[in-house]
Amino acid sequence: MADSPELVAAKRLLDQAKSQGFTFQRVAPGPDGPLFARRETPEHRDEIYLAGFGQSCYATRARKSSLIVPGGLPVTTRVDGDALTVLHTVITDWPT
């Protein structure tokens, strides 16, 4: 059975995210379990959480600081939506 166009697009975006420095890991067991990804750049820490298609997904971009910030790094950008929206936004709008 052929993959749906949405699944094909998501696989391509996942490959692009990996090529841009994101490291993915499964949060729960199984081939369709949620994914978490992180990318560290000199200026930002980017994180992606993909619950699956039709599920709520999100990504955050936090600015790094040389200061110790109580509560963690300040989030400068956040995107919520389905997996394709989140991946597309991160790949196209968040430079490395």
PDB file of N, CA and C in Angstrom:
ATOM      1  N   MET A   1       0.841  -1.173   0.000  1.00  0.00           N
ATOM      2  CA  MET A   1       0.000   0.000   0.000  1.00  0.00           C
ATOM      3  C   MET A   1       0.889   1.240   0.000  1.00  0.00           C
ATOM      4  N   ALA A   2       0.577   2.193  -0.850  1.00  0.00           N
ATOM      5  CA  ALA A   2       1.382   3.405  -0.990  1.00  0.00           C
ATOM      6  C   ALA A   2       1.110   4.361   0.170  1.00  0.00           C
ATOM      7  N   ASP A   3       2.153   5.117   0.542  1.00  0.00           N
ATOM      8  CA  ASP A   3       2.003   6.127   1.593  1.00  0.00           C
ATOM      9  C   ASP A   3       1.136   7.268   1.083  1.00  0.00           C
ATOM     10  N   SER A   4       0.410   7.892   1.987  1.00  0.00           N
ATOM     11  CA  SER A   4      -0.406   9.052   1.628  1.00  0.00           C
ATOM     12  C   SER A   4       0.513  10.227   1.289  1.00  0.00           C
ATOM     13  N   PRO A   5       0.026  11.211   0.536  1.00  0.00           N
ATOM     14  CA  PRO A   5       0.851  12.382   0.226  1.00  0.00           C
ATOM     15  C   PRO A   5       1.330  13.114   1.481  1.00  0.00           C
ATOM     16  N   GLU A   6       0.490  13.149   2.518  1.00  0.00           N
ATOM     17  CA  GLU A   6       0.881  13.814   3.768  1.00  0.00           C
ATOM     18  C   GLU A   6       2.032  13.084   4.444  1.00  0.00           C
ATOM     19  N   LEU A   7       1.997  11.759   4.431  1.00  0.00           N
ATOM     20  CA  LEU A   7       3.067  10.973   5.041  1.00  0.00           C
ATOM     21  C   LEU A   7       4.364  11.126   4.260  1.00  0.00           C
ATOM     22  N   VAL A   8       4.279  11.145   2.947  1.00  0.00           N
ATOM     23  CA  VAL A   8       5.466  11.354   2.112  1.00  0.00           C
ATOM     24  C   VAL A   8       6.081  12.717   2.420  1.00  0.00           C
ATOM     25  N   ALA A   9       5.242  13.754   2.511  1.00  0.00           N
ATOM     26  CA  ALA A   9       5.736  15.102   2.817  1.00  0.00           C
ATOM     27  C   ALA A   9       6.377  15.143   4.201  1.00  0.00           C
ATOM     28  N   ALA A  10       5.752  14.493   5.179  1.00  0.00           N
ATOM     29  CA  ALA A  10       6.302  14.476   6.535  1.00  0.00           C
ATOM     30  C   ALA A  10       7.655  13.779   6.575  1.00  0.00           C
ATOM     31  N   LYS A  11       7.794  12.673   5.864  1.00  0.00           N
ATOM     32  CA  LYS A  11       9.078  11.966   5.822  1.00  0.00           C
ATOM     33  C   LYS A  11      10.168  12.842   5.225  1.00  0.00           C
ATOM     34  N   ARG A  12       9.826  13.577   4.175  1.00  0.00           N
ATOM     35  CA  ARG A  12      10.814  14.491   3.569  1.00  0.00           C
ATOM     36  C   ARG A  12      11.213  15.596   4.542  1.00  0.00           C
ATOM     37  N   LEU A  13      10.223  16.153   5.241  1.00  0.00           N
ATOM     38  CA  LEU A  13      10.524  17.205   6.212  1.00  0.00           C
ATOM     39  C   LEU A  13      11.354  16.661   7.375  1.00  0.00           C
ATOM     40  N   LEU A  14      11.075  15.442   7.810  1.00  0.00           N
ATOM     41  CA  LEU A  14      11.898  14.831   8.864  1.00  0.00           C
ATOM     42  C   LEU A  14      13.342  14.667   8.394  1.00  0.00           C
ATOM     43  N   ASP A  15      13.525  14.232   7.158  1.00  0.00           N
ATOM     44  CA  ASP A  15      14.878  14.098   6.613  1.00  0.00           C
ATOM     45  C   ASP A  15      15.577  15.450   6.551  1.00  0.00           C
ATOM     46  N   GLN A  16      14.851  16.492   6.156  1.00  0.00           N
ATOM     47  CA  GLN A  16      15.438  17.831   6.115  1.00  0.00           C
ATOM     48  C   GLN A  16      15.807  18.303   7.514  1.00  0.00           C
ATOM     49  N   ALA A  17      14.939  18.040   8.489  1.00  0.00           N
ATOM     50  CA  ALA A  17      15.238  18.433   9.863  1.00  0.00           C
ATOM     51  C   ALA A  17      16.508  17.742  10.355  1.00  0.00           C
ATOM     52  N   LYS A  18      16.641  16.464  10.055  1.00  0.00           N
ATOM     53  CA  LYS A  18      17.858  15.735  10.440  1.00  0.00           C
ATOM     54  C   LYS A  18      19.086  16.336   9.769  1.00  0.00           C
ATOM     55  N   SER A  19      18.964  16.695   8.505  1.00  0.00           N
ATOM     56  CA  SER A  19      20.112  17.277   7.793  1.00  0.00           C
ATOM     57  C   SER A  19      20.449  18.672   8.317  1.00  0.00           C
ATOM     58  N   GLN A  20      19.501  19.322   8.988  1.00  0.00           N
ATOM     59  CA  GLN A  20      19.743  20.640   9.576  1.00  0.00           C
ATOM     60  C   GLN A  20      20.171  20.545  11.036  1.00  0.00           C
ATOM     61  N   GLY A  21      20.463  19.337  11.504  1.00  0.00           N
ATOM     62  CA  GLY A  21      21.045  19.188  12.828  1.00  0.00           C
ATOM     63  C   GLY A  21      20.133  18.698  13.928  1.00  0.00           C
ATOM     64  N   PHE A  22      18.871  18.403  13.637  1.00  0.00           N
ATOM     65  CA  PHE A  22      17.982  17.881  14.666  1.00  0.00           C
ATOM     66  C   PHE A  22      18.282  16.410  14.924  1.00  0.00           C
ATOM     67  N   THR A  23      18.244  16.022  16.191  1.00  0.00           N
ATOM     68  CA  THR A  23      18.395  14.640  16.605  1.00  0.00           C
ATOM     69  C   THR A  23      17.056  14.193  17.171  1.00  0.00           C
ATOM     70  N   PHE A  24      16.501  13.119  16.595  1.00  0.00           N
ATOM     71  CA  PHE A  24      15.175  12.632  16.975  1.00  0.00           C
ATOM     72  C   PHE A  24      15.282  11.401  17.858  1.00  0.00           C
ATOM     73  N   GLN A  25      14.305  11.273  18.754  1.00  0.00           N
ATOM     74  CA  GLN A  25      14.177  10.063  19.566  1.00  0.00           C
ATOM     75  C   GLN A  25      12.697   9.807  19.821  1.00  0.00           C
ATOM     76  N   ARG A  26      12.350   8.542  19.953  1.00  0.00           N
ATOM     77  CA  ARG A  26      10.972   8.144  20.268  1.00  0.00           C
ATOM     78  C   ARG A  26      10.701   8.395  21.748  1.00  0.00           C
ATOM     79  N   VAL A  27       9.540   8.950  22.025  1.00  0.00           N
ATOM     80  CA  VAL A  27       9.140   9.222  23.403  1.00  0.00           C
ATOM     81  C   VAL A  27       8.412   8.020  23.991  1.00  0.00           C
ATOM     82  N   ALA A  28       7.726   7.262  23.149  1.00  0.00           N
ATOM     83  CA  ALA A  28       6.993   6.071  23.577  1.00  0.00           C
ATOM     84  C   ALA A  28       7.289   4.947  22.585  1.00  0.00           C
ATOM     85  N   PRO A  29       7.158   3.711  23.010  1.00  0.00           N
ATOM     86  CA  PRO A  29       7.466   2.596  22.112  1.00  0.00           C
ATOM     87  C   PRO A  29       6.489   2.511  20.940  1.00  0.00           C
ATOM     88  N   GLY A  30       6.937   1.801  19.910  1.00  0.00           N
ATOM     89  CA  GLY A  30       6.093   1.566  18.750  1.00  0.00           C
ATOM     90  C   GLY A  30       6.492   2.433  17.574  1.00  0.00           C
ATOM     91  N   PRO A  31       6.201   1.975  16.373  1.00  0.00           N
ATOM     92  CA  PRO A  31       6.610   2.710  15.172  1.00  0.00           C
ATOM     93  C   PRO A  31       5.889   4.042  15.007  1.00  0.00           C
ATOM     94  N   ASP A  32       4.731   4.194  15.635  1.00  0.00           N
ATOM     95  CA  ASP A  32       3.971   5.439  15.517  1.00  0.00           C
ATOM     96  C   ASP A  32       3.989   6.246  16.802  1.00  0.00           C
ATOM     97  N   GLY A  33       4.934   5.938  17.694  1.00  0.00           N
ATOM     98  CA  GLY A  33       5.032   6.676  18.948  1.00  0.00           C
ATOM     99  C   GLY A  33       5.483   8.105  18.721  1.00  0.00           C
ATOM    100  N   PRO A  34       5.178   8.996  19.654  1.00  0.00           N
ATOM    101  CA  PRO A  34       5.578  10.398  19.531  1.00  0.00           C
ATOM    102  C   PRO A  34       7.093  10.547  19.393  1.00  0.00           C
ATOM    103  N   LEU A  35       7.499  11.609  18.704  1.00  0.00           N
ATOM    104  CA  LEU A  35       8.915  11.913  18.506  1.00  0.00           C
ATOM    105  C   LEU A  35       9.266  13.223  19.199  1.00  0.00           C
ATOM    106  N   PHE A  36      10.467  13.273  19.748  1.00  0.00           N
ATOM    107  CA  PHE A  36      11.025  14.503  20.305  1.00  0.00           C
ATOM    108  C   PHE A  36      12.350  14.754  19.596  1.00  0.00           C
ATOM    109  N   ALA A  37      12.606  16.009  19.249  1.00  0.00           N
ATOM    110  CA  ALA A  37      13.865  16.351  18.584  1.00  0.00           C
ATOM    111  C   ALA A  37      14.439  17.614  19.200  1.00  0.00           C
ATOM    112  N   ARG A  38      15.769  17.694  19.160  1.00  0.00           N
ATOM    113  CA  ARG A  38      16.465  18.886  19.664  1.00  0.00           C
ATOM    114  C   ARG A  38      17.599  19.228  18.718  1.00  0.00           C
ATOM    115  N   ARG A  39      17.835  20.536  18.589  1.00  0.00           N
ATOM    116  CA  ARG A  39      18.978  21.049  17.828  1.00  0.00           C
ATOM    117  C   ARG A  39      19.584  22.190  18.638  1.00  0.00           C
ATOM    118  N   GLU A  40      20.889  22.112  18.824  1.00  0.00           N
ATOM    119  CA  GLU A  40      21.616  23.167  19.520  1.00  0.00           C
ATOM    120  C   GLU A  40      22.412  23.962  18.490  1.00  0.00           C
ATOM    121  N   THR A  41      22.229  25.264  18.474  1.00  0.00           N
ATOM    122  CA  THR A  41      23.044  26.151  17.653  1.00  0.00           C
ATOM    123  C   THR A  41      23.755  27.103  18.607  1.00  0.00           C
ATOM    124  N   PRO A  42      24.703  27.881  18.128  1.00  0.00           N
ATOM    125  CA  PRO A  42      25.371  28.811  19.044  1.00  0.00           C
ATOM    126  C   PRO A  42      24.414  29.795  19.731  1.00  0.00           C
ATOM    127  N   GLU A  43      23.307  30.144  19.060  1.00  0.00           N
ATOM    128  CA  GLU A  43      22.394  31.145  19.609  1.00  0.00           C
ATOM    129  C   GLU A  43      21.086  30.584  20.160  1.00  0.00           C
ATOM    130  N   HIS A  44      20.687  29.365  19.731  1.00  0.00           N
ATOM    131  CA  HIS A  44      19.368  28.855  20.097  1.00  0.00           C
ATOM    132  C   HIS A  44      19.385  27.379  20.478  1.00  0.00           C
ATOM    133  N   ARG A  45      18.349  26.998  21.217  1.00  0.00           N
ATOM    134  CA  ARG A  45      18.013  25.598  21.437  1.00  0.00           C
ATOM    135  C   ARG A  45      16.610  25.416  20.850  1.00  0.00           C
ATOM    136  N   ASP A  46      16.530  24.594  19.812  1.00  0.00           N
ATOM    137  CA  ASP A  46      15.260  24.334  19.141  1.00  0.00           C
ATOM    138  C   ASP A  46      14.777  22.943  19.519  1.00  0.00           C
ATOM    139  N   GLU A  47      13.485  22.824  19.839  1.00  0.00           N
ATOM    140  CA  GLU A  47      12.903  21.538  20.198  1.00  0.00           C
ATOM    141  C   GLU A  47      11.600  21.335  19.440  1.00  0.00           C
ATOM    142  N   ILE A  48      11.370  20.089  19.035  1.00  0.00           N
ATOM    143  CA  ILE A  48      10.156  19.714  18.311  1.00  0.00           C
ATOM    144  C   ILE A  48       9.536  18.518  19.031  1.00  0.00           C
ATOM    145  N   TYR A  49       8.208  18.565  19.198  1.00  0.00           N
ATOM    146  CA  TYR A  49       7.466  17.423  19.711  1.00  0.00           C
ATOM    147  C   TYR A  49       6.387  17.084  18.695  1.00  0.00           C
ATOM    148  N   LEU A  50       6.436  15.868  18.161  1.00  0.00           N
ATOM    149  CA  LEU A  50       5.464  15.407  17.172  1.00  0.00           C
ATOM    150  C   LEU A  50       4.678  14.247  17.767  1.00  0.00           C
ATOM    151  N   ALA A  51       3.395  14.494  18.059  1.00  0.00           N
ATOM    152  CA  ALA A  51       2.544  13.461  18.640  1.00  0.00           C
ATOM    153  C   ALA A  51       2.018  12.518  17.573  1.00  0.00           C
ATOM    154  N   GLY A  52       1.962  12.972  16.331  1.00  0.00           N
ATOM    155  CA  GLY A  52       1.458  12.159  15.232  1.00  0.00           C
ATOM    156  C   GLY A  52       0.524  12.974  14.362  1.00  0.00           C
ATOM    157  N   PHE A  53       0.076  12.381  13.272  1.00  0.00           N
ATOM    158  CA  PHE A  53      -0.840  13.076  12.376  1.00  0.00           C
ATOM    159  C   PHE A  53      -2.189  13.265  13.051  1.00  0.00           C
ATOM    160  N   GLY A  54      -2.771  14.432  12.840  1.00  0.00           N
ATOM    161  CA  GLY A  54      -4.063  14.722  13.429  1.00  0.00           C
ATOM    162  C   GLY A  54      -3.991  14.997  14.923  1.00  0.00           C
ATOM    163  N   GLN A  55      -2.798  15.051  15.455  1.00  0.00           N
ATOM    164  CA  GLN A  55      -2.593  15.286  16.882  1.00  0.00           C
ATOM    165  C   GLN A  55      -1.927  16.646  17.066  1.00  0.00           C
ATOM    166  N   SER A  56      -1.972  17.135  18.258  1.00  0.00           N
ATOM    167  CA  SER A  56      -1.345  18.405  18.571  1.00  0.00           C
ATOM    168  C   SER A  56       0.178  18.239  18.645  1.00  0.00           C
ATOM    169  N   CYS A  57       0.883  19.029  17.865  1.00  0.00           N
ATOM    170  CA  CYS A  57       2.341  19.012  17.844  1.00  0.00           C
ATOM    171  C   CYS A  57       2.826  20.436  18.115  1.00  0.00           C
ATOM    172  N   TYR A  58       4.084  20.580  18.511  1.00  0.00           N
ATOM    173  CA  TYR A  58       4.608  21.924  18.740  1.00  0.00           C
ATOM    174  C   TYR A  58       6.124  21.933  18.585  1.00  0.00           C
ATOM    175  N   ALA A  59       6.639  23.146  18.453  1.00  0.00           N
ATOM    176  CA  ALA A  59       8.086  23.361  18.451  1.00  0.00           C
ATOM    177  C   ALA A  59       8.363  24.671  19.175  1.00  0.00           C
ATOM    178  N   THR A  60       9.502  24.726  19.855  1.00  0.00           N
ATOM    179  CA  THR A  60       9.908  25.954  20.537  1.00  0.00           C
ATOM    180  C   THR A  60      11.328  26.306  20.158  1.00  0.00           C
ATOM    181  N   ARG A  61      11.601  27.598  20.133  1.00  0.00           N
ATOM    182  CA  ARG A  61      12.955  28.112  19.918  1.00  0.00           C
ATOM    183  C   ARG A  61      13.278  29.002  21.101  1.00  0.00           C
ATOM    184  N   ALA A  62      14.349  28.657  21.833  1.00  0.00           N
ATOM    185  CA  ALA A  62      14.770  29.424  22.996  1.00  0.00           C
ATOM    186  C   ALA A  62      16.136  30.038  22.718  1.00  0.00           C
ATOM    187  N   ARG A  63      16.288  31.282  23.101  1.00  0.00           N
ATOM    188  CA  ARG A  63      17.558  31.974  22.923  1.00  0.00           C
ATOM    189  C   ARG A  63      18.508  31.605  24.051  1.00  0.00           C
ATOM    190  N   LYS A  64      19.721  31.234  23.673  1.00  0.00           N
ATOM    191  CA  LYS A  64      20.732  30.911  24.674  1.00  0.00           C
ATOM    192  C   LYS A  64      21.287  32.203  25.267  1.00  0.00           C
ATOM    193  N   SER A  65      21.768  32.079  26.480  1.00  0.00           N
ATOM    194  CA  SER A  65      22.308  33.229  27.184  1.00  0.00           C
ATOM    195  C   SER A  65      23.538  32.794  27.967  1.00  0.00           C
ATOM    196  N   SER A  66      24.465  33.718  28.133  1.00  0.00           N
ATOM    197  CA  SER A  66      25.631  33.413  28.958  1.00  0.00           C
ATOM    198  C   SER A  66      25.285  33.511  30.442  1.00  0.00           C
ATOM    199  N   LEU A  67      24.113  34.063  30.739  1.00  0.00           N
ATOM    200  CA  LEU A  67      23.644  34.173  32.115  1.00  0.00           C
ATOM    201  C   LEU A  67      22.839  32.939  32.492  1.00  0.00           C
ATOM    202  N   ILE A  68      22.837  32.622  33.760  1.00  0.00           N
ATOM    203  CA  ILE A  68      21.979  31.555  34.257  1.00  0.00           C
ATOM    204  C   ILE A  68      20.583  32.153  34.412  1.00  0.00           C
ATOM    205  N   VAL A  69      19.626  31.567  33.724  1.00  0.00           N
ATOM    206  CA  VAL A  69      18.266  32.094  33.725  1.00  0.00           C
ATOM    207  C   VAL A  69      17.380  31.167  34.558  1.00  0.00           C
ATOM    208  N   PRO A  70      16.802  31.682  35.658  1.00  0.00           N
ATOM    209  CA  PRO A  70      15.906  30.840  36.457  1.00  0.00           C
ATOM    210  C   PRO A  70      14.736  30.361  35.593  1.00  0.00           C
ATOM    211  N   GLY A  71      14.412  29.083  35.708  1.00  0.00           N
ATOM    212  CA  GLY A  71      13.298  28.540  34.941  1.00  0.00           C
ATOM    213  C   GLY A  71      13.667  28.105  33.539  1.00  0.00           C
ATOM    214  N   GLY A  72      14.922  28.244  33.147  1.00  0.00           N
ATOM    215  CA  GLY A  72      15.352  27.799  31.824  1.00  0.00           C
ATOM    216  C   GLY A  72      15.474  28.934  30.827  1.00  0.00           C
ATOM    217  N   LEU A  73      15.832  28.569  29.624  1.00  0.00           N
ATOM    218  CA  LEU A  73      16.042  29.558  28.566  1.00  0.00           C
ATOM    219  C   LEU A  73      14.726  30.197  28.150  1.00  0.00           C
ATOM    220  N   PRO A  74      14.749  31.507  27.818  1.00  0.00           N
ATOM    221  CA  PRO A  74      13.515  32.174  27.403  1.00  0.00           C
ATOM    222  C   PRO A  74      13.099  31.739  25.995  1.00  0.00           C
ATOM    223  N   VAL A  75      11.853  31.286  25.866  1.00  0.00           N
ATOM    224  CA  VAL A  75      11.315  30.881  24.566  1.00  0.00           C
ATOM    225  C   VAL A  75      11.033  32.134  23.756  1.00  0.00           C
ATOM    226  N   THR A  76      11.601  32.199  22.569  1.00  0.00           N
ATOM    227  CA  THR A  76      11.398  33.359  21.706  1.00  0.00           C
ATOM    228  C   THR A  76      10.375  33.104  20.615  1.00  0.00           C
ATOM    229  N   THR A  77      10.188  31.840  20.242  1.00  0.00           N
ATOM    230  CA  THR A  77       9.244  31.480  19.189  1.00  0.00           C
ATOM    231  C   THR A  77       8.620  30.140  19.528  1.00  0.00           C
ATOM    232  N   ARG A  78       7.328  30.031  19.225  1.00  0.00           N
ATOM    233  CA  ARG A  78       6.621  28.766  19.433  1.00  0.00           C
ATOM    234  C   ARG A  78       5.635  28.596  18.282  1.00  0.00           C
ATOM    235  N   VAL A  79       5.526  27.385  17.802  1.00  0.00           N
ATOM    236  CA  VAL A  79       4.543  27.066  16.773  1.00  0.00           C
ATOM    237  C   VAL A  79       3.777  25.824  17.220  1.00  0.00           C
ATOM    238  N   ASP A  80       2.455  25.876  17.083  1.00  0.00           N
ATOM    239  CA  ASP A  80       1.581  24.759  17.413  1.00  0.00           C
ATOM    240  C   ASP A  80       0.803  24.380  16.158  1.00  0.00           C
ATOM    241  N   GLY A  81       0.449  23.112  16.055  1.00  0.00           N
ATOM    242  CA  GLY A  81      -0.363  22.672  14.930  1.00  0.00           C
ATOM    243  C   GLY A  81      -0.147  21.207  14.640  1.00  0.00           C
ATOM    244  N   ASP A  82      -0.503  20.822  13.420  1.00  0.00           N
ATOM    245  CA  ASP A  82      -0.287  19.430  13.031  1.00  0.00           C
ATOM    246  C   ASP A  82       1.187  19.227  12.671  1.00  0.00           C
ATOM    247  N   ALA A  83       1.571  17.993  12.465  1.00  0.00           N
ATOM    248  CA  ALA A  83       2.977  17.661  12.226  1.00  0.00           C
ATOM    249  C   ALA A  83       3.544  18.391  11.005  1.00  0.00           C
ATOM    250  N   LEU A  84       2.792  18.443   9.910  1.00  0.00           N
ATOM    251  CA  LEU A  84       3.297  19.101   8.704  1.00  0.00           C
ATOM    252  C   LEU A  84       3.511  20.594   8.924  1.00  0.00           C
ATOM    253  N   THR A  85       2.581  21.254   9.602  1.00  0.00           N
ATOM    254  CA  THR A  85       2.709  22.684   9.871  1.00  0.00           C
ATOM    255  C   THR A  85       3.928  22.971  10.728  1.00  0.00           C
ATOM    256  N   VAL A  86       4.094  22.201  11.792  1.00  0.00           N
ATOM    257  CA  VAL A  86       5.218  22.413  12.706  1.00  0.00           C
ATOM    258  C   VAL A  86       6.544  22.171  11.989  1.00  0.00           C
ATOM    259  N   LEU A  87       6.662  21.044  11.305  1.00  0.00           N
ATOM    260  CA  LEU A  87       7.919  20.737  10.609  1.00  0.00           C
ATOM    261  C   LEU A  87       8.228  21.767   9.527  1.00  0.00           C
ATOM    262  N   HIS A  88       7.240  22.134   8.747  1.00  0.00           N
ATOM    263  CA  HIS A  88       7.467  23.109   7.671  1.00  0.00           C
ATOM    264  C   HIS A  88       7.932  24.447   8.237  1.00  0.00           C
ATOM    265  N   THR A  89       7.291  24.898   9.312  1.00  0.00           N
ATOM    266  CA  THR A  89       7.674  26.176   9.920  1.00  0.00           C
ATOM    267  C   THR A  89       9.113  26.142  10.429  1.00  0.00           C
ATOM    268  N   VAL A  90       9.471  25.087  11.127  1.00  0.00           N
ATOM    269  CA  VAL A  90      10.821  24.984  11.680  1.00  0.00           C
ATOM    270  C   VAL A  90      11.870  24.923  10.557  1.00  0.00           C
ATOM    271  N   ILE A  91      11.609  24.122   9.534  1.00  0.00           N
ATOM    272  CA  ILE A  91      12.570  23.951   8.446  1.00  0.00           C
ATOM    273  C   ILE A  91      12.750  25.227   7.640  1.00  0.00           C
ATOM    274  N   THR A  92      11.667  25.926   7.373  1.00  0.00           N
ATOM    275  CA  THR A  92      11.750  27.086   6.479  1.00  0.00           C
ATOM    276  C   THR A  92      11.979  28.418   7.194  1.00  0.00           C
ATOM    277  N   ASP A  93      11.508  28.548   8.441  1.00  0.00           N
ATOM    278  CA  ASP A  93      11.540  29.848   9.099  1.00  0.00           C
ATOM    279  C   ASP A  93      12.569  30.007  10.216  1.00  0.00           C
ATOM    280  N   TRP A  94      13.156  28.907  10.673  1.00  0.00           N
ATOM    281  CA  TRP A  94      14.108  28.984  11.775  1.00  0.00           C
ATOM    282  C   TRP A  94      15.506  28.680  11.252  1.00  0.00           C
ATOM    283  N   PRO A  95      16.274  29.705  10.936  1.00  0.00           N
ATOM    284  CA  PRO A  95      17.619  29.450  10.386  1.00  0.00           C
ATOM    285  C   PRO A  95      18.538  28.790  11.402  1.00  0.00           C
ATOM    286  N   THR A  96      19.503  28.029  10.876  1.00  0.00           N
ATOM    287  CA  THR A  96      20.459  27.353  11.764  1.00  0.00           C
ATOM    288  C   THR A  96      21.575  28.283  12.146  1.00  0.00           C
TER     289      THR A  96
END
